[in-house]
Structures are given as C-alpha cells and as structure tokens.
C-alpha cells in the first residue's frame, strides 16, 4: 500500500455547496479535512482507528446521527 495518496472525496458529495470531507493516506496516517476550508486544518487517525471507524459505519453504529 502506498505511503501517501491524493485527497479523495466521497462519491456521495454533491459539489454544489454541500458539506463534504476529503481523506487521504499520508506518512502512515489517515488525514481528514473539510473540503470547503482546506487550509483550516485536519484531523489525523491511525490506520487502526480509521479501520475501526469504517467498520462501525458499515454496521450502522452512527445511523442515529443522520438527519432527514
């Protein structure tokens, strides 16, 4: 697996001013940032933390946070 990738955005992001995040792998971390404020900072996760988050999301553990 490469040590670094480019920023990726979800295919569900609309590009019409919606709230979006971008993520990338960089120097052993998974970094996440706000696509509307790219210079505003980022959040870093270990690969283990990111894998745990994705596992939980796939299982619906965060569904109660969804809005209509």
PDB file of N, CA and C in Angstrom:
ATOM      1  N   UNK A   1       0.851  -1.177   0.000  1.00  0.00           N
ATOM      2  CA  UNK A   1       0.000   0.000   0.000  1.00  0.00           C
ATOM      3  C   UNK A   1       0.896   1.240   0.000  1.00  0.00           C
ATOM      4  N   UNK A   2       0.547   2.248  -0.788  1.00  0.00           N
ATOM      5  CA  UNK A   2       1.396   3.442  -0.837  1.00  0.00           C
ATOM      6  C   UNK A   2       1.389   4.208   0.476  1.00  0.00           C
ATOM      7  N   UNK A   3       2.509   4.875   0.746  1.00  0.00           N
ATOM      8  CA  UNK A   3       2.615   5.669   1.969  1.00  0.00           C
ATOM      9  C   UNK A   3       1.755   6.923   1.894  1.00  0.00           C
ATOM     10  N   UNK A   4       1.530   7.442   0.698  1.00  0.00           N
ATOM     11  CA  UNK A   4       0.718   8.646   0.528  1.00  0.00           C
ATOM     12  C   UNK A   4      -0.189   8.494  -0.685  1.00  0.00           C
ATOM     13  N   UNK A   5      -1.364   9.066  -0.580  1.00  0.00           N
ATOM     14  CA  UNK A   5      -2.313   9.111  -1.694  1.00  0.00           C
ATOM     15  C   UNK A   5      -2.786  10.542  -1.851  1.00  0.00           C
ATOM     16  N   UNK A   6      -3.453  10.818  -2.939  1.00  0.00           N
ATOM     17  CA  UNK A   6      -4.082  12.125  -3.096  1.00  0.00           C
ATOM     18  C   UNK A   6      -5.346  12.207  -2.259  1.00  0.00           C
ATOM     19  N   UNK A   7      -5.880  13.405  -2.120  1.00  0.00           N
ATOM     20  CA  UNK A   7      -7.125  13.593  -1.391  1.00  0.00           C
ATOM     21  C   UNK A   7      -8.268  12.972  -2.182  1.00  0.00           C
ATOM     22  N   UNK A   8      -9.179  12.293  -1.486  1.00  0.00           N
ATOM     23  CA  UNK A   8     -10.363  11.721  -2.124  1.00  0.00           C
ATOM     24  C   UNK A   8     -11.610  12.258  -1.429  1.00  0.00           C
ATOM     25  N   UNK A   9     -12.674  12.381  -2.194  1.00  0.00           N
ATOM     26  CA  UNK A   9     -13.957  12.851  -1.670  1.00  0.00           C
ATOM     27  C   UNK A   9     -14.998  11.779  -1.980  1.00  0.00           C
ATOM     28  N   UNK A  10     -15.929  11.629  -1.108  1.00  0.00           N
ATOM     29  CA  UNK A  10     -16.979  10.643  -1.307  1.00  0.00           C
ATOM     30  C   UNK A  10     -17.724  10.892  -2.611  1.00  0.00           C
ATOM     31  N   UNK A  11     -18.087   9.814  -3.277  1.00  0.00           N
ATOM     32  CA  UNK A  11     -18.890   9.935  -4.492  1.00  0.00           C
ATOM     33  C   UNK A  11     -20.289  10.453  -4.172  1.00  0.00           C
ATOM     34  N   UNK A  12     -20.668  10.432  -2.901  1.00  0.00           N
ATOM     35  CA  UNK A  12     -21.979  10.959  -2.492  1.00  0.00           C
ATOM     36  C   UNK A  12     -21.952  12.466  -2.269  1.00  0.00           C
ATOM     37  N   UNK A  13     -20.781  13.070  -2.328  1.00  0.00           N
ATOM     38  CA  UNK A  13     -20.672  14.524  -2.199  1.00  0.00           C
ATOM     39  C   UNK A  13     -21.220  15.160  -3.461  1.00  0.00           C
ATOM     40  N   UNK A  14     -22.000  16.206  -3.288  1.00  0.00           N
ATOM     41  CA  UNK A  14     -22.693  16.773  -4.439  1.00  0.00           C
ATOM     42  C   UNK A  14     -21.906  17.836  -5.180  1.00  0.00           C
ATOM     43  N   UNK A  15     -20.982  18.506  -4.531  1.00  0.00           N
ATOM     44  CA  UNK A  15     -20.223  19.544  -5.206  1.00  0.00           C
ATOM     45  C   UNK A  15     -20.987  20.836  -5.394  1.00  0.00           C
ATOM     46  N   UNK A  16     -22.194  20.926  -4.858  1.00  0.00           N
ATOM     47  CA  UNK A  16     -22.992  22.144  -5.021  1.00  0.00           C
ATOM     48  C   UNK A  16     -23.104  22.906  -3.702  1.00  0.00           C
ATOM     49  N   UNK A  17     -22.023  22.947  -2.958  1.00  0.00           N
ATOM     50  CA  UNK A  17     -22.031  23.699  -1.707  1.00  0.00           C
ATOM     51  C   UNK A  17     -22.383  22.879  -0.493  1.00  0.00           C
ATOM     52  N   UNK A  18     -22.551  21.569  -0.665  1.00  0.00           N
ATOM     53  CA  UNK A  18     -22.867  20.713   0.467  1.00  0.00           C
ATOM     54  C   UNK A  18     -21.669  20.520   1.379  1.00  0.00           C
ATOM     55  N   UNK A  19     -21.933  19.989   2.534  1.00  0.00           N
ATOM     56  CA  UNK A  19     -20.856  19.717   3.487  1.00  0.00           C
ATOM     57  C   UNK A  19     -20.126  18.453   3.059  1.00  0.00           C
ATOM     58  N   UNK A  20     -18.843  18.570   2.837  1.00  0.00           N
ATOM     59  CA  UNK A  20     -18.056  17.436   2.357  1.00  0.00           C
ATOM     60  C   UNK A  20     -16.748  17.346   3.121  1.00  0.00           C
ATOM     61  N   UNK A  21     -16.241  16.149   3.200  1.00  0.00           N
ATOM     62  CA  UNK A  21     -14.910  15.943   3.755  1.00  0.00           C
ATOM     63  C   UNK A  21     -14.072  15.224   2.711  1.00  0.00           C
ATOM     64  N   UNK A  22     -12.766  15.380   2.839  1.00  0.00           N
ATOM     65  CA  UNK A  22     -11.817  14.681   1.995  1.00  0.00           C
ATOM     66  C   UNK A  22     -10.890  13.896   2.910  1.00  0.00           C
ATOM     67  N   UNK A  23     -10.374  12.794   2.413  1.00  0.00           N
ATOM     68  CA  UNK A  23      -9.467  11.972   3.199  1.00  0.00           C
ATOM     69  C   UNK A  23      -8.301  11.527   2.330  1.00  0.00           C
ATOM     70  N   UNK A  24      -7.177  11.252   2.983  1.00  0.00           N
ATOM     71  CA  UNK A  24      -6.010  10.713   2.281  1.00  0.00           C
ATOM     72  C   UNK A  24      -5.163   9.918   3.267  1.00  0.00           C
ATOM     73  N   UNK A  25      -4.320   9.066   2.713  1.00  0.00           N
ATOM     74  CA  UNK A  25      -3.286   8.382   3.496  1.00  0.00           C
ATOM     75  C   UNK A  25      -2.023   9.207   3.323  1.00  0.00           C
ATOM     76  N   UNK A  26      -1.364   9.546   4.438  1.00  0.00           N
ATOM     77  CA  UNK A  26      -0.159  10.367   4.356  1.00  0.00           C
ATOM     78  C   UNK A  26       0.795  10.011   5.488  1.00  0.00           C
ATOM     79  N   UNK A  27       1.951   9.494   5.125  1.00  0.00           N
ATOM     80  CA  UNK A  27       3.012   9.173   6.078  1.00  0.00           C
ATOM     81  C   UNK A  27       2.521   8.325   7.244  1.00  0.00           C
ATOM     82  N   UNK A  28       1.735   7.302   6.939  1.00  0.00           N
ATOM     83  CA  UNK A  28       1.263   6.376   7.968  1.00  0.00           C
ATOM     84  C   UNK A  28      -0.014   6.788   8.681  1.00  0.00           C
ATOM     85  N   UNK A  29      -0.553   7.938   8.360  1.00  0.00           N
ATOM     86  CA  UNK A  29      -1.784   8.437   8.973  1.00  0.00           C
ATOM     87  C   UNK A  29      -2.902   8.468   7.940  1.00  0.00           C
ATOM     88  N   UNK A  30      -4.136   8.477   8.425  1.00  0.00           N
ATOM     89  CA  UNK A  30      -5.283   8.827   7.603  1.00  0.00           C
ATOM     90  C   UNK A  30      -5.656  10.241   8.026  1.00  0.00           C
ATOM     91  N   UNK A  31      -5.666  11.163   7.076  1.00  0.00           N
ATOM     92  CA  UNK A  31      -5.973  12.565   7.373  1.00  0.00           C
ATOM     93  C   UNK A  31      -7.314  12.932   6.751  1.00  0.00           C
ATOM     94  N   UNK A  32      -8.099  13.686   7.483  1.00  0.00           N
ATOM     95  CA  UNK A  32      -9.431  14.102   7.050  1.00  0.00           C
ATOM     96  C   UNK A  32      -9.516  15.607   7.195  1.00  0.00           C
ATOM     97  N   UNK A  33     -10.089  16.267   6.181  1.00  0.00           N
ATOM     98  CA  UNK A  33     -10.255  17.723   6.229  1.00  0.00           C
ATOM     99  C   UNK A  33     -11.589  18.125   5.619  1.00  0.00           C
ATOM    100  N   UNK A  34     -11.976  19.352   5.897  1.00  0.00           N
ATOM    101  CA  UNK A  34     -13.189  19.945   5.356  1.00  0.00           C
ATOM    102  C   UNK A  34     -12.888  20.440   3.943  1.00  0.00           C
ATOM    103  N   UNK A  35     -13.621  19.960   2.967  1.00  0.00           N
ATOM    104  CA  UNK A  35     -13.345  20.344   1.585  1.00  0.00           C
ATOM    105  C   UNK A  35     -13.676  21.808   1.303  1.00  0.00           C
ATOM    106  N   UNK A  36     -14.481  22.425   2.155  1.00  0.00           N
ATOM    107  CA  UNK A  36     -14.818  23.838   1.966  1.00  0.00           C
ATOM    108  C   UNK A  36     -13.837  24.766   2.672  1.00  0.00           C
ATOM    109  N   UNK A  37     -12.928  24.206   3.474  1.00  0.00           N
ATOM    110  CA  UNK A  37     -11.929  25.005   4.183  1.00  0.00           C
ATOM    111  C   UNK A  37     -10.637  24.186   4.260  1.00  0.00           C
ATOM    112  N   UNK A  38     -10.029  23.969   3.125  1.00  0.00           N
ATOM    113  CA  UNK A  38      -8.889  23.063   3.022  1.00  0.00           C
ATOM    114  C   UNK A  38      -7.676  23.517   3.814  1.00  0.00           C
ATOM    115  N   UNK A  39      -7.530  24.791   4.055  1.00  0.00           N
ATOM    116  CA  UNK A  39      -6.385  25.271   4.828  1.00  0.00           C
ATOM    117  C   UNK A  39      -6.708  25.413   6.311  1.00  0.00           C
ATOM    118  N   UNK A  40      -7.904  25.027   6.711  1.00  0.00           N
ATOM    119  CA  UNK A  40      -8.353  25.201   8.082  1.00  0.00           C
ATOM    120  C   UNK A  40      -7.923  24.125   9.044  1.00  0.00           C
ATOM    121  N   UNK A  41      -7.086  23.216   8.611  1.00  0.00           N
ATOM    122  CA  UNK A  41      -6.627  22.156   9.499  1.00  0.00           C
ATOM    123  C   UNK A  41      -7.205  20.821   9.117  1.00  0.00           C
ATOM    124  N   UNK A  42      -6.722  19.805   9.794  1.00  0.00           N
ATOM    125  CA  UNK A  42      -7.173  18.450   9.518  1.00  0.00           C
ATOM    126  C   UNK A  42      -7.143  17.629  10.789  1.00  0.00           C
ATOM    127  N   UNK A  43      -7.750  16.479  10.714  1.00  0.00           N
ATOM    128  CA  UNK A  43      -7.771  15.526  11.813  1.00  0.00           C
ATOM    129  C   UNK A  43      -7.016  14.295  11.343  1.00  0.00           C
ATOM    130  N   UNK A  44      -6.171  13.750  12.212  1.00  0.00           N
ATOM    131  CA  UNK A  44      -5.376  12.572  11.862  1.00  0.00           C
ATOM    132  C   UNK A  44      -5.830  11.357  12.659  1.00  0.00           C
ATOM    133  N   UNK A  45      -5.841  10.220  11.987  1.00  0.00           N
ATOM    134  CA  UNK A  45      -6.192   8.957  12.609  1.00  0.00           C
ATOM    135  C   UNK A  45      -5.122   7.927  12.277  1.00  0.00           C
ATOM    136  N   UNK A  46      -4.851   7.022  13.222  1.00  0.00           N
ATOM    137  CA  UNK A  46      -4.020   5.884  12.879  1.00  0.00           C
ATOM    138  C   UNK A  46      -4.827   4.993  11.941  1.00  0.00           C
ATOM    139  N   UNK A  47      -4.159   4.108  11.238  1.00  0.00           N
ATOM    140  CA  UNK A  47      -4.905   3.218  10.355  1.00  0.00           C
ATOM    141  C   UNK A  47      -5.842   2.310  11.150  1.00  0.00           C
ATOM    142  N   UNK A  48      -5.448   1.950  12.360  1.00  0.00           N
ATOM    143  CA  UNK A  48      -6.319   1.116  13.205  1.00  0.00           C
ATOM    144  C   UNK A  48      -7.578   1.885  13.605  1.00  0.00           C
ATOM    145  N   UNK A  49      -7.424   3.156  13.968  1.00  0.00           N
ATOM    146  CA  UNK A  49      -8.593   3.979  14.327  1.00  0.00           C
ATOM    147  C   UNK A  49      -9.522   4.141  13.132  1.00  0.00           C
ATOM    148  N   UNK A  50      -8.952   4.397  11.976  1.00  0.00           N
ATOM    149  CA  UNK A  50      -9.753   4.593  10.759  1.00  0.00           C
ATOM    150  C   UNK A  50     -10.492   3.302  10.402  1.00  0.00           C
ATOM    151  N   UNK A  51      -9.795   2.170  10.470  1.00  0.00           N
ATOM    152  CA  UNK A  51     -10.439   0.890  10.192  1.00  0.00           C
ATOM    153  C   UNK A  51     -11.598   0.637  11.154  1.00  0.00           C
ATOM    154  N   UNK A  52     -11.417   0.969  12.433  1.00  0.00           N
ATOM    155  CA  UNK A  52     -12.489   0.793  13.417  1.00  0.00           C
ATOM    156  C   UNK A  52     -13.679   1.690  13.108  1.00  0.00           C
ATOM    157  N   UNK A  53     -13.408   2.933  12.713  1.00  0.00           N
ATOM    158  CA  UNK A  53     -14.488   3.849  12.337  1.00  0.00           C
ATOM    159  C   UNK A  53     -15.264   3.298  11.141  1.00  0.00           C
ATOM    160  N   UNK A  54     -14.558   2.896  10.099  1.00  0.00           N
ATOM    161  CA  UNK A  54     -15.233   2.370   8.908  1.00  0.00           C
ATOM    162  C   UNK A  54     -16.039   1.121   9.230  1.00  0.00           C
ATOM    163  N   UNK A  55     -15.497   0.243  10.065  1.00  0.00           N
ATOM    164  CA  UNK A  55     -16.216  -0.961  10.464  1.00  0.00           C
ATOM    165  C   UNK A  55     -17.526  -0.587  11.157  1.00  0.00           C
ATOM    166  N   UNK A  56     -17.453   0.364  12.083  1.00  0.00           N
ATOM    167  CA  UNK A  56     -18.655   0.803  12.789  1.00  0.00           C
ATOM    168  C   UNK A  56     -19.657   1.466  11.862  1.00  0.00           C
ATOM    169  N   UNK A  57     -19.163   2.273  10.933  1.00  0.00           N
ATOM    170  CA  UNK A  57     -20.061   2.944   9.989  1.00  0.00           C
ATOM    171  C   UNK A  57     -20.776   1.930   9.106  1.00  0.00           C
ATOM    172  N   UNK A  58     -20.062   0.929   8.670  1.00  0.00           N
ATOM    173  CA  UNK A  58     -20.675  -0.109   7.834  1.00  0.00           C
ATOM    174  C   UNK A  58     -21.724  -0.909   8.592  1.00  0.00           C
ATOM    175  N   UNK A  59     -21.548  -1.021   9.894  1.00  0.00           N
ATOM    176  CA  UNK A  59     -22.508  -1.762  10.731  1.00  0.00           C
ATOM    177  C   UNK A  59     -23.673  -0.894  11.181  1.00  0.00           C
ATOM    178  N   UNK A  60     -23.668   0.394  10.840  1.00  0.00           N
ATOM    179  CA  UNK A  60     -24.778   1.277  11.197  1.00  0.00           C
ATOM    180  C   UNK A  60     -24.677   1.876  12.581  1.00  0.00           C
ATOM    181  N   UNK A  61     -23.497   1.836  13.207  1.00  0.00           N
ATOM    182  CA  UNK A  61     -23.351   2.323  14.575  1.00  0.00           C
ATOM    183  C   UNK A  61     -23.560   3.833  14.710  1.00  0.00           C
ATOM    184  N   UNK A  62     -23.508   4.566  13.621  1.00  0.00           N
ATOM    185  CA  UNK A  62     -23.657   6.021  13.682  1.00  0.00           C
ATOM    186  C   UNK A  62     -24.959   6.498  13.042  1.00  0.00           C
ATOM    187  N   UNK A  63     -25.816   5.571  12.677  1.00  0.00           N
ATOM    188  CA  UNK A  63     -27.040   5.934  11.972  1.00  0.00           C
ATOM    189  C   UNK A  63     -27.930   6.884  12.767  1.00  0.00           C
ATOM    190  N   UNK A  64     -27.872   6.845  14.088  1.00  0.00           N
ATOM    191  CA  UNK A  64     -28.703   7.737  14.906  1.00  0.00           C
ATOM    192  C   UNK A  64     -28.297   9.194  14.734  1.00  0.00           C
ATOM    193  N   UNK A  65     -27.140   9.456  14.146  1.00  0.00           N
ATOM    194  CA  UNK A  65     -26.676  10.821  13.925  1.00  0.00           C
ATOM    195  C   UNK A  65     -27.212  11.397  12.613  1.00  0.00           C
ATOM    196  N   UNK A  66     -27.819  10.580  11.769  1.00  0.00           N
ATOM    197  CA  UNK A  66     -28.328  11.038  10.483  1.00  0.00           C
ATOM    198  C   UNK A  66     -29.530  11.958  10.671  1.00  0.00           C
ATOM    199  N   UNK A  67     -29.635  12.908   9.777  1.00  0.00           N
ATOM    200  CA  UNK A  67     -30.805  13.796   9.760  1.00  0.00           C
ATOM    201  C   UNK A  67     -31.565  13.562   8.469  1.00  0.00           C
ATOM    202  N   UNK A  68     -32.820  13.921   8.476  1.00  0.00           N
ATOM    203  CA  UNK A  68     -33.640  13.770   7.270  1.00  0.00           C
ATOM    204  C   UNK A  68     -33.382  14.861   6.280  1.00  0.00           C
TER     205      UNK A  68
END
